């Protein structure tokens, strides 16, 4: 076994010029009022790795400059490592409006949140795609008004004394499980 160099790894990766030819995971992600620039950057990088369809940054979620006026910071770029260029993203102030639009387009709406009817993150089925995954605030999670728009919610079981994971970590677990389910 030999560790691959960056050049060897790059041989099997898309580039910004070829990214449009890659089969995307039919998941659109709505980040609602995420506080941390680092979490946003990490979610961008993970979204690139899973090759999601689109990322909506909503509410007071910080966003990179470029497509709209920006409240983004250098920390997003530091953590995202260039994925703000490879992930299709948009800032939309009102997450409710974009979720309703996606619902009208036939997407199932899913919150990454503990609810009284949430199912395990690995119990999503291929029939649940295309999917909109809502990821909420680091402290308060997905708000009830957005949960009311959902078809279902998924949770990541916790076995320790804490009730949740860091939002970027939870997103990474969920999105790669969704990738696995879709690719089966």
N, C-alpha and C. Protein backbone atom coordinates (compact mmCIF):
# COMPACT_ATOMS: atom_id res chain seq x y z
N UNK A 1 0.84 -1.16 0.00
CA UNK A 1 0.00 0.00 0.00
C UNK A 1 0.89 1.24 0.00
N UNK A 2 0.50 2.22 -0.84
CA UNK A 2 1.26 3.47 -0.96
C UNK A 2 0.29 4.64 -0.92
N UNK A 3 0.58 5.60 -0.10
CA UNK A 3 -0.23 6.81 -0.05
C UNK A 3 -0.13 7.53 -1.39
N UNK A 4 -1.28 7.99 -1.91
CA UNK A 4 -1.29 8.70 -3.18
C UNK A 4 -0.89 10.16 -2.97
N UNK A 5 -0.20 10.69 -3.95
CA UNK A 5 0.17 12.12 -3.92
C UNK A 5 -1.04 12.94 -4.38
N UNK A 6 -0.99 14.24 -4.16
CA UNK A 6 -2.07 15.12 -4.62
C UNK A 6 -2.24 15.02 -6.13
N UNK A 7 -1.14 14.93 -6.87
CA UNK A 7 -1.22 14.81 -8.33
C UNK A 7 -1.89 13.50 -8.74
N UNK A 8 -1.57 12.41 -8.06
CA UNK A 8 -2.20 11.12 -8.38
C UNK A 8 -3.69 11.14 -8.07
N UNK A 9 -4.06 11.76 -6.97
CA UNK A 9 -5.48 11.88 -6.61
C UNK A 9 -6.21 12.73 -7.64
N UNK A 10 -5.59 13.81 -8.07
CA UNK A 10 -6.21 14.74 -9.02
C UNK A 10 -6.52 14.10 -10.36
N UNK A 11 -5.79 13.05 -10.72
CA UNK A 11 -6.05 12.38 -12.00
C UNK A 11 -7.46 11.81 -12.09
N UNK A 12 -8.06 11.46 -10.96
CA UNK A 12 -9.39 10.87 -10.93
C UNK A 12 -10.48 11.83 -10.46
N UNK A 13 -10.19 13.12 -10.42
CA UNK A 13 -11.14 14.11 -9.93
C UNK A 13 -11.60 15.02 -11.06
N UNK A 14 -12.76 15.58 -10.88
CA UNK A 14 -13.26 16.58 -11.82
C UNK A 14 -12.48 17.88 -11.63
N UNK A 15 -12.62 18.76 -12.59
CA UNK A 15 -12.05 20.10 -12.50
C UNK A 15 -13.20 21.09 -12.62
N UNK A 16 -12.93 22.36 -12.39
CA UNK A 16 -13.98 23.36 -12.57
C UNK A 16 -14.50 23.37 -14.00
N UNK A 17 -13.65 23.00 -14.94
CA UNK A 17 -14.06 22.96 -16.36
C UNK A 17 -14.93 21.74 -16.67
N UNK A 18 -14.80 20.65 -15.92
CA UNK A 18 -15.56 19.42 -16.22
C UNK A 18 -16.65 19.11 -15.20
N UNK A 19 -16.77 19.94 -14.16
CA UNK A 19 -17.70 19.64 -13.07
C UNK A 19 -19.14 19.53 -13.57
N UNK A 20 -19.49 20.26 -14.62
CA UNK A 20 -20.85 20.24 -15.15
C UNK A 20 -21.22 18.88 -15.76
N UNK A 21 -20.24 18.02 -16.01
CA UNK A 21 -20.52 16.71 -16.60
C UNK A 21 -20.72 15.61 -15.55
N UNK A 22 -20.47 15.93 -14.29
CA UNK A 22 -20.57 14.94 -13.22
C UNK A 22 -22.03 14.71 -12.84
N UNK A 23 -22.38 13.45 -12.64
CA UNK A 23 -23.75 13.13 -12.19
C UNK A 23 -23.91 13.59 -10.74
N UNK A 24 -24.83 14.50 -10.52
CA UNK A 24 -25.03 15.08 -9.20
C UNK A 24 -26.00 14.25 -8.38
N UNK A 25 -25.81 14.30 -7.09
CA UNK A 25 -26.75 13.70 -6.14
C UNK A 25 -28.00 14.58 -6.16
N UNK A 26 -29.20 14.01 -6.40
CA UNK A 26 -30.40 14.84 -6.48
C UNK A 26 -30.88 15.32 -5.10
N UNK A 27 -30.00 16.04 -4.45
CA UNK A 27 -30.29 16.62 -3.14
C UNK A 27 -29.94 18.11 -3.20
N UNK A 28 -30.91 18.92 -2.81
CA UNK A 28 -30.71 20.34 -2.64
C UNK A 28 -30.71 20.59 -1.14
N UNK A 29 -29.76 21.38 -0.67
CA UNK A 29 -29.59 21.60 0.76
C UNK A 29 -29.94 23.05 1.10
N UNK A 30 -30.73 23.21 2.15
CA UNK A 30 -31.07 24.53 2.66
C UNK A 30 -30.42 24.68 4.02
N UNK A 31 -29.49 25.62 4.13
CA UNK A 31 -28.88 25.95 5.42
C UNK A 31 -29.65 27.13 5.99
N UNK A 32 -30.29 26.93 7.11
CA UNK A 32 -31.09 28.00 7.69
C UNK A 32 -30.44 28.58 8.94
N UNK A 33 -29.97 29.80 8.82
CA UNK A 33 -29.42 30.58 9.93
C UNK A 33 -28.31 29.86 10.70
N UNK A 34 -27.35 29.34 9.94
CA UNK A 34 -26.12 28.80 10.52
C UNK A 34 -25.29 30.00 10.97
N UNK A 35 -24.68 29.93 12.13
CA UNK A 35 -23.94 31.07 12.67
C UNK A 35 -22.48 31.11 12.26
N UNK A 36 -21.84 29.97 12.19
CA UNK A 36 -20.39 29.90 12.07
C UNK A 36 -19.90 29.88 10.63
N UNK A 37 -18.99 30.79 10.31
CA UNK A 37 -18.32 30.79 9.01
C UNK A 37 -17.60 29.47 8.77
N UNK A 38 -16.98 28.93 9.82
CA UNK A 38 -16.27 27.65 9.68
C UNK A 38 -17.22 26.51 9.35
N UNK A 39 -18.38 26.47 9.99
CA UNK A 39 -19.36 25.44 9.66
C UNK A 39 -19.83 25.57 8.21
N UNK A 40 -20.07 26.79 7.78
CA UNK A 40 -20.51 27.02 6.39
C UNK A 40 -19.42 26.55 5.42
N UNK A 41 -18.18 26.92 5.69
CA UNK A 41 -17.09 26.48 4.82
C UNK A 41 -16.96 24.97 4.78
N UNK A 42 -17.10 24.34 5.94
CA UNK A 42 -17.03 22.88 6.01
C UNK A 42 -18.17 22.24 5.23
N UNK A 43 -19.35 22.82 5.32
CA UNK A 43 -20.50 22.28 4.58
C UNK A 43 -20.30 22.44 3.08
N UNK A 44 -19.71 23.54 2.65
CA UNK A 44 -19.37 23.70 1.23
C UNK A 44 -18.45 22.57 0.78
N UNK A 45 -17.41 22.32 1.55
CA UNK A 45 -16.41 21.31 1.17
C UNK A 45 -17.04 19.92 1.13
N UNK A 46 -17.88 19.61 2.10
CA UNK A 46 -18.58 18.32 2.13
C UNK A 46 -19.57 18.22 0.98
N UNK A 47 -20.23 19.32 0.65
CA UNK A 47 -21.18 19.34 -0.47
C UNK A 47 -20.48 19.05 -1.79
N UNK A 48 -19.26 19.55 -1.95
CA UNK A 48 -18.46 19.24 -3.13
C UNK A 48 -18.12 17.75 -3.14
N UNK A 49 -17.71 17.21 -2.01
CA UNK A 49 -17.34 15.80 -1.94
C UNK A 49 -18.50 14.87 -2.28
N UNK A 50 -19.71 15.25 -1.88
CA UNK A 50 -20.90 14.43 -2.17
C UNK A 50 -21.53 14.81 -3.51
N UNK A 51 -21.09 15.94 -4.08
CA UNK A 51 -21.57 16.48 -5.34
C UNK A 51 -23.10 16.65 -5.35
N UNK A 52 -23.56 17.50 -4.43
CA UNK A 52 -24.99 17.78 -4.34
C UNK A 52 -25.43 18.67 -5.50
N UNK A 53 -26.74 18.75 -5.69
CA UNK A 53 -27.32 19.56 -6.75
C UNK A 53 -27.13 21.07 -6.50
N UNK A 54 -27.54 21.52 -5.31
CA UNK A 54 -27.46 22.96 -5.01
C UNK A 54 -27.49 23.18 -3.51
N UNK A 55 -26.88 24.28 -3.10
CA UNK A 55 -26.83 24.68 -1.69
C UNK A 55 -27.45 26.07 -1.58
N UNK A 56 -28.49 26.19 -0.76
CA UNK A 56 -29.10 27.49 -0.47
C UNK A 56 -28.66 27.94 0.91
N UNK A 57 -28.12 29.14 1.00
CA UNK A 57 -27.73 29.74 2.26
C UNK A 57 -28.82 30.74 2.61
N UNK A 58 -29.47 30.54 3.75
CA UNK A 58 -30.66 31.33 4.09
C UNK A 58 -30.55 31.98 5.46
N UNK A 59 -31.46 32.96 5.67
CA UNK A 59 -31.49 33.65 6.94
C UNK A 59 -30.21 34.43 7.14
N UNK A 60 -29.63 34.32 8.33
CA UNK A 60 -28.38 35.04 8.60
C UNK A 60 -27.14 34.17 8.38
N UNK A 61 -27.30 33.07 7.65
CA UNK A 61 -26.14 32.23 7.32
C UNK A 61 -25.11 33.07 6.55
N UNK A 62 -23.86 33.10 7.01
CA UNK A 62 -22.84 33.84 6.25
C UNK A 62 -22.62 33.19 4.90
N UNK A 63 -22.31 34.01 3.91
CA UNK A 63 -22.09 33.48 2.57
C UNK A 63 -20.91 34.17 1.90
N UNK A 64 -20.29 33.47 0.97
CA UNK A 64 -19.14 34.06 0.28
C UNK A 64 -19.58 35.24 -0.58
N UNK A 65 -18.67 36.12 -0.89
CA UNK A 65 -19.01 37.21 -1.81
C UNK A 65 -19.15 36.68 -3.23
N UNK A 66 -19.79 37.44 -4.06
CA UNK A 66 -19.81 37.07 -5.47
C UNK A 66 -21.19 37.11 -6.09
N UNK A 67 -22.13 36.34 -5.57
CA UNK A 67 -23.43 36.24 -6.21
C UNK A 67 -24.44 37.22 -5.64
N UNK A 68 -24.25 37.66 -4.42
CA UNK A 68 -25.13 38.63 -3.78
C UNK A 68 -24.26 39.50 -2.89
N UNK A 69 -24.88 40.46 -2.23
CA UNK A 69 -24.10 41.20 -1.24
C UNK A 69 -23.64 40.21 -0.19
N UNK A 70 -22.52 40.45 0.41
CA UNK A 70 -21.91 39.43 1.26
C UNK A 70 -21.76 39.86 2.70
N UNK A 71 -22.05 38.92 3.58
CA UNK A 71 -21.64 39.07 4.96
C UNK A 71 -20.63 37.97 5.28
N UNK A 72 -20.08 37.35 4.21
CA UNK A 72 -19.14 36.26 4.36
C UNK A 72 -17.77 36.74 4.83
N UNK A 73 -17.01 35.84 5.38
CA UNK A 73 -15.70 36.16 5.92
C UNK A 73 -14.66 35.21 5.32
N UNK A 74 -13.41 35.55 5.55
CA UNK A 74 -12.33 34.73 5.02
C UNK A 74 -12.35 33.32 5.58
N UNK A 75 -12.97 33.11 6.74
CA UNK A 75 -13.03 31.78 7.35
C UNK A 75 -13.79 30.79 6.47
N UNK A 76 -14.81 31.27 5.74
CA UNK A 76 -15.54 30.38 4.82
C UNK A 76 -14.56 29.85 3.78
N UNK A 77 -13.80 30.75 3.16
CA UNK A 77 -12.85 30.34 2.12
C UNK A 77 -11.77 29.43 2.67
N UNK A 78 -11.29 29.73 3.88
CA UNK A 78 -10.24 28.94 4.50
C UNK A 78 -10.69 27.49 4.69
N UNK A 79 -11.92 27.30 5.13
CA UNK A 79 -12.43 25.97 5.40
C UNK A 79 -12.94 25.29 4.13
N UNK A 80 -13.52 26.05 3.22
CA UNK A 80 -14.11 25.49 2.00
C UNK A 80 -13.06 25.01 1.00
N UNK A 81 -11.86 25.55 1.07
CA UNK A 81 -10.75 25.15 0.19
C UNK A 81 -11.14 25.13 -1.30
N UNK A 82 -11.79 26.19 -1.77
CA UNK A 82 -12.12 26.29 -3.19
C UNK A 82 -13.47 25.74 -3.59
N UNK A 83 -14.15 25.06 -2.69
CA UNK A 83 -15.44 24.44 -3.05
C UNK A 83 -16.56 25.46 -3.23
N UNK A 84 -16.35 26.71 -2.86
CA UNK A 84 -17.36 27.73 -3.15
C UNK A 84 -17.46 27.96 -4.66
N UNK A 85 -16.45 27.51 -5.41
CA UNK A 85 -16.46 27.61 -6.86
C UNK A 85 -17.07 26.38 -7.52
N UNK A 86 -16.99 25.23 -6.88
CA UNK A 86 -17.48 23.99 -7.50
C UNK A 86 -18.89 23.61 -7.08
N UNK A 87 -19.39 24.20 -6.00
CA UNK A 87 -20.75 23.90 -5.53
C UNK A 87 -21.68 25.00 -6.02
N UNK A 88 -22.76 24.58 -6.66
CA UNK A 88 -23.78 25.52 -7.10
C UNK A 88 -24.49 26.03 -5.85
N UNK A 89 -24.43 27.34 -5.59
CA UNK A 89 -25.02 27.89 -4.38
C UNK A 89 -25.69 29.24 -4.66
N UNK A 90 -26.57 29.57 -3.73
CA UNK A 90 -27.28 30.85 -3.84
C UNK A 90 -27.68 31.30 -2.44
N UNK A 91 -27.62 32.61 -2.21
CA UNK A 91 -28.13 33.16 -0.96
C UNK A 91 -29.57 33.60 -1.19
N UNK A 92 -30.47 33.12 -0.32
CA UNK A 92 -31.88 33.51 -0.34
C UNK A 92 -32.25 33.81 1.11
N UNK A 93 -32.69 35.01 1.37
CA UNK A 93 -33.00 35.43 2.74
C UNK A 93 -34.05 34.53 3.40
N UNK A 94 -35.15 34.30 2.71
CA UNK A 94 -36.29 33.59 3.29
C UNK A 94 -36.27 32.10 2.91
N UNK A 95 -35.88 31.25 3.83
CA UNK A 95 -35.80 29.81 3.56
C UNK A 95 -37.18 29.22 3.27
N UNK A 96 -38.19 29.75 3.89
CA UNK A 96 -39.56 29.24 3.68
C UNK A 96 -39.97 29.32 2.21
N UNK A 97 -39.68 30.45 1.58
CA UNK A 97 -40.06 30.62 0.17
C UNK A 97 -39.35 29.61 -0.73
N UNK A 98 -38.07 29.39 -0.51
CA UNK A 98 -37.34 28.46 -1.37
C UNK A 98 -37.80 27.02 -1.11
N UNK A 99 -38.11 26.69 0.13
CA UNK A 99 -38.60 25.34 0.43
C UNK A 99 -39.95 25.10 -0.25
N UNK A 100 -40.83 26.09 -0.20
CA UNK A 100 -42.14 25.95 -0.88
C UNK A 100 -41.95 25.80 -2.39
N UNK A 101 -41.01 26.53 -2.95
CA UNK A 101 -40.73 26.41 -4.39
C UNK A 101 -40.22 25.01 -4.73
N UNK A 102 -39.30 24.49 -3.92
CA UNK A 102 -38.76 23.14 -4.16
C UNK A 102 -39.84 22.08 -4.00
N UNK A 103 -40.72 22.28 -3.06
CA UNK A 103 -41.84 21.36 -2.84
C UNK A 103 -42.74 21.34 -4.08
N UNK A 104 -43.01 22.52 -4.65
CA UNK A 104 -43.82 22.61 -5.87
C UNK A 104 -43.15 21.91 -7.05
N UNK A 105 -41.83 21.87 -7.05
CA UNK A 105 -41.09 21.19 -8.11
C UNK A 105 -41.07 19.67 -7.93
N UNK A 106 -41.68 19.17 -6.84
CA UNK A 106 -41.79 17.74 -6.62
C UNK A 106 -40.75 17.14 -5.70
N UNK A 107 -39.95 17.97 -5.07
CA UNK A 107 -38.97 17.44 -4.13
C UNK A 107 -39.63 17.10 -2.81
N UNK A 108 -39.17 16.01 -2.21
CA UNK A 108 -39.56 15.71 -0.84
C UNK A 108 -38.71 16.60 0.06
N UNK A 109 -39.32 17.08 1.13
CA UNK A 109 -38.64 17.99 2.03
C UNK A 109 -38.34 17.24 3.33
N UNK A 110 -37.07 17.31 3.75
CA UNK A 110 -36.60 16.54 4.90
C UNK A 110 -35.76 17.43 5.81
N UNK A 111 -36.05 17.40 7.09
CA UNK A 111 -35.25 18.12 8.08
C UNK A 111 -34.25 17.16 8.72
N UNK A 112 -33.04 17.62 8.90
CA UNK A 112 -32.05 16.89 9.70
C UNK A 112 -32.27 17.37 11.13
N UNK A 113 -33.19 16.69 11.82
CA UNK A 113 -33.64 17.18 13.13
C UNK A 113 -34.32 16.06 13.90
N UNK A 114 -34.20 16.11 15.21
CA UNK A 114 -34.94 15.20 16.09
C UNK A 114 -36.38 15.69 16.21
N UNK A 115 -37.31 14.85 15.80
CA UNK A 115 -38.73 15.15 15.97
C UNK A 115 -39.41 13.92 16.56
N UNK A 116 -40.67 14.05 16.91
CA UNK A 116 -41.38 12.90 17.47
C UNK A 116 -41.63 11.81 16.42
N UNK A 117 -41.37 12.11 15.13
CA UNK A 117 -41.58 11.12 14.07
C UNK A 117 -40.35 10.94 13.20
N UNK A 118 -39.19 11.39 13.66
CA UNK A 118 -37.99 11.26 12.82
C UNK A 118 -37.59 9.81 12.67
N UNK A 119 -37.01 9.52 11.50
CA UNK A 119 -36.47 8.19 11.26
C UNK A 119 -34.95 8.27 11.21
N UNK A 120 -34.31 7.16 11.33
CA UNK A 120 -32.86 7.11 11.31
C UNK A 120 -32.36 7.57 9.93
N UNK A 121 -31.23 8.23 9.91
CA UNK A 121 -30.69 8.80 8.68
C UNK A 121 -30.42 7.75 7.60
N UNK A 122 -30.24 6.52 7.99
CA UNK A 122 -29.96 5.45 7.03
C UNK A 122 -31.24 4.74 6.57
N UNK A 123 -32.41 5.23 6.99
CA UNK A 123 -33.68 4.63 6.59
C UNK A 123 -34.36 5.37 5.43
N UNK A 124 -33.68 6.34 4.86
CA UNK A 124 -34.19 7.02 3.67
C UNK A 124 -34.16 6.02 2.52
N UNK A 125 -35.13 6.10 1.61
CA UNK A 125 -35.16 5.17 0.48
C UNK A 125 -34.93 5.91 -0.84
N UNK A 126 -34.63 5.16 -1.87
CA UNK A 126 -34.42 5.76 -3.19
C UNK A 126 -35.64 6.52 -3.66
N UNK A 127 -36.83 6.09 -3.22
CA UNK A 127 -38.06 6.77 -3.59
C UNK A 127 -38.21 8.16 -2.97
N UNK A 128 -37.33 8.49 -2.03
CA UNK A 128 -37.37 9.81 -1.39
C UNK A 128 -36.63 10.88 -2.19
N UNK A 129 -35.98 10.49 -3.28
CA UNK A 129 -35.27 11.44 -4.14
C UNK A 129 -36.16 11.88 -5.29
N UNK A 130 -36.03 13.10 -5.79
CA UNK A 130 -35.14 14.17 -5.36
C UNK A 130 -35.56 14.71 -4.00
N UNK A 131 -34.59 15.22 -3.27
CA UNK A 131 -34.79 15.56 -1.87
C UNK A 131 -34.23 16.94 -1.57
N UNK A 132 -34.92 17.65 -0.70
CA UNK A 132 -34.40 18.89 -0.13
C UNK A 132 -34.11 18.59 1.33
N UNK A 133 -32.86 18.77 1.73
CA UNK A 133 -32.44 18.54 3.11
C UNK A 133 -32.26 19.88 3.81
N UNK A 134 -33.01 20.10 4.88
CA UNK A 134 -32.91 21.34 5.65
C UNK A 134 -32.00 21.09 6.84
N UNK A 135 -31.00 21.97 6.98
CA UNK A 135 -30.06 21.91 8.09
C UNK A 135 -30.20 23.21 8.86
N UNK A 136 -30.39 23.10 10.17
CA UNK A 136 -30.69 24.28 10.96
C UNK A 136 -29.54 24.81 11.80
N UNK A 137 -29.86 25.81 12.56
CA UNK A 137 -28.93 26.53 13.43
C UNK A 137 -28.22 25.60 14.41
N UNK A 138 -26.98 25.95 14.74
CA UNK A 138 -26.15 25.15 15.63
C UNK A 138 -26.76 24.94 17.01
N UNK A 139 -27.51 25.90 17.51
CA UNK A 139 -28.09 25.80 18.85
C UNK A 139 -29.55 25.37 18.81
N UNK A 140 -30.34 26.02 17.97
CA UNK A 140 -31.79 25.79 17.96
C UNK A 140 -32.26 24.78 16.93
N UNK A 141 -31.39 24.37 16.01
CA UNK A 141 -31.77 23.38 15.01
C UNK A 141 -32.71 23.96 13.96
N UNK A 142 -33.51 23.08 13.38
CA UNK A 142 -34.49 23.47 12.37
C UNK A 142 -35.73 23.98 13.09
N UNK A 143 -36.18 25.17 12.72
CA UNK A 143 -37.33 25.78 13.40
C UNK A 143 -38.63 25.03 13.08
N UNK A 144 -39.57 25.11 13.99
CA UNK A 144 -40.85 24.40 13.84
C UNK A 144 -41.59 24.85 12.58
N UNK A 145 -41.52 26.12 12.21
CA UNK A 145 -42.24 26.57 11.01
C UNK A 145 -41.69 25.90 9.75
N UNK A 146 -40.39 25.54 9.74
CA UNK A 146 -39.84 24.80 8.60
C UNK A 146 -40.14 23.31 8.72
N UNK A 147 -40.14 22.78 9.92
CA UNK A 147 -40.52 21.37 10.12
C UNK A 147 -41.94 21.14 9.63
N UNK A 148 -42.80 22.13 9.82
CA UNK A 148 -44.19 22.02 9.36
C UNK A 148 -44.29 21.85 7.84
N UNK A 149 -43.26 22.23 7.11
CA UNK A 149 -43.25 22.09 5.65
C UNK A 149 -42.67 20.75 5.20
N UNK A 150 -42.14 19.98 6.13
CA UNK A 150 -41.41 18.75 5.80
C UNK A 150 -42.31 17.55 5.58
N UNK A 151 -41.84 16.67 4.69
CA UNK A 151 -42.49 15.37 4.50
C UNK A 151 -42.02 14.38 5.55
N UNK A 152 -40.78 14.54 6.00
CA UNK A 152 -40.24 13.69 7.06
C UNK A 152 -38.98 14.34 7.62
N UNK A 153 -38.48 13.77 8.71
CA UNK A 153 -37.22 14.22 9.28
C UNK A 153 -36.34 13.01 9.55
N UNK A 154 -35.04 13.27 9.55
CA UNK A 154 -34.08 12.19 9.84
C UNK A 154 -33.23 12.62 11.02
N UNK A 155 -32.77 11.62 11.76
CA UNK A 155 -31.91 11.87 12.92
C UNK A 155 -30.72 10.95 12.90
N UNK A 156 -29.67 11.38 13.54
CA UNK A 156 -28.48 10.56 13.75
C UNK A 156 -28.51 10.13 15.21
N UNK A 157 -28.63 8.83 15.48
CA UNK A 157 -28.72 8.39 16.87
C UNK A 157 -27.50 8.83 17.69
N UNK A 158 -27.75 9.21 18.91
CA UNK A 158 -26.70 9.63 19.84
C UNK A 158 -26.63 8.62 20.99
N UNK A 159 -25.44 8.24 21.36
CA UNK A 159 -25.27 7.21 22.38
C UNK A 159 -24.59 7.74 23.65
N UNK A 160 -24.16 8.97 23.63
CA UNK A 160 -23.50 9.56 24.79
C UNK A 160 -24.45 10.47 25.54
N UNK A 161 -23.90 11.42 26.27
CA UNK A 161 -24.73 12.31 27.08
C UNK A 161 -25.20 13.54 26.30
N UNK A 162 -24.57 13.84 25.17
CA UNK A 162 -24.96 14.98 24.35
C UNK A 162 -26.13 14.60 23.45
N UNK A 163 -26.92 15.59 23.09
CA UNK A 163 -28.11 15.34 22.28
C UNK A 163 -27.88 15.54 20.80
N UNK A 164 -26.72 16.08 20.43
CA UNK A 164 -26.50 16.36 19.01
C UNK A 164 -25.01 16.43 18.70
N UNK A 165 -24.73 16.47 17.39
CA UNK A 165 -23.37 16.64 16.88
C UNK A 165 -23.19 18.06 16.36
N UNK A 166 -21.97 18.45 16.11
CA UNK A 166 -21.72 19.70 15.42
C UNK A 166 -22.47 19.66 14.09
N UNK A 167 -23.04 20.79 13.68
CA UNK A 167 -23.89 20.83 12.49
C UNK A 167 -23.15 20.38 11.23
N UNK A 168 -21.90 20.76 11.06
CA UNK A 168 -21.16 20.36 9.87
C UNK A 168 -20.84 18.86 9.90
N UNK A 169 -20.59 18.32 11.07
CA UNK A 169 -20.34 16.88 11.21
C UNK A 169 -21.62 16.10 10.91
N UNK A 170 -22.73 16.54 11.49
CA UNK A 170 -24.02 15.88 11.26
C UNK A 170 -24.37 15.92 9.77
N UNK A 171 -24.15 17.06 9.15
CA UNK A 171 -24.42 17.17 7.72
C UNK A 171 -23.57 16.19 6.93
N UNK A 172 -22.29 16.09 7.27
CA UNK A 172 -21.40 15.17 6.56
C UNK A 172 -21.86 13.73 6.66
N UNK A 173 -22.26 13.31 7.84
CA UNK A 173 -22.76 11.95 8.03
C UNK A 173 -24.01 11.72 7.18
N UNK A 174 -24.94 12.66 7.27
CA UNK A 174 -26.22 12.50 6.57
C UNK A 174 -26.05 12.54 5.05
N UNK A 175 -25.28 13.49 4.53
CA UNK A 175 -25.20 13.64 3.08
C UNK A 175 -24.46 12.48 2.43
N UNK A 176 -23.45 11.93 3.10
CA UNK A 176 -22.77 10.78 2.51
C UNK A 176 -23.60 9.50 2.63
N UNK A 177 -24.44 9.41 3.63
CA UNK A 177 -25.38 8.28 3.69
C UNK A 177 -26.41 8.42 2.57
N UNK A 178 -26.89 9.63 2.32
CA UNK A 178 -27.83 9.85 1.21
C UNK A 178 -27.16 9.51 -0.12
N UNK A 179 -25.89 9.87 -0.27
CA UNK A 179 -25.14 9.52 -1.49
C UNK A 179 -25.08 8.00 -1.66
N UNK A 180 -24.80 7.31 -0.55
CA UNK A 180 -24.70 5.85 -0.58
C UNK A 180 -26.05 5.23 -0.97
N UNK A 181 -27.12 5.69 -0.37
CA UNK A 181 -28.46 5.17 -0.67
C UNK A 181 -28.80 5.41 -2.12
N UNK A 182 -28.54 6.60 -2.63
CA UNK A 182 -28.87 6.93 -4.02
C UNK A 182 -28.04 6.11 -4.99
N UNK A 183 -26.78 5.85 -4.67
CA UNK A 183 -25.89 5.13 -5.58
C UNK A 183 -26.11 3.62 -5.60
N UNK A 184 -26.86 3.09 -4.62
CA UNK A 184 -27.08 1.63 -4.58
C UNK A 184 -27.88 1.15 -5.76
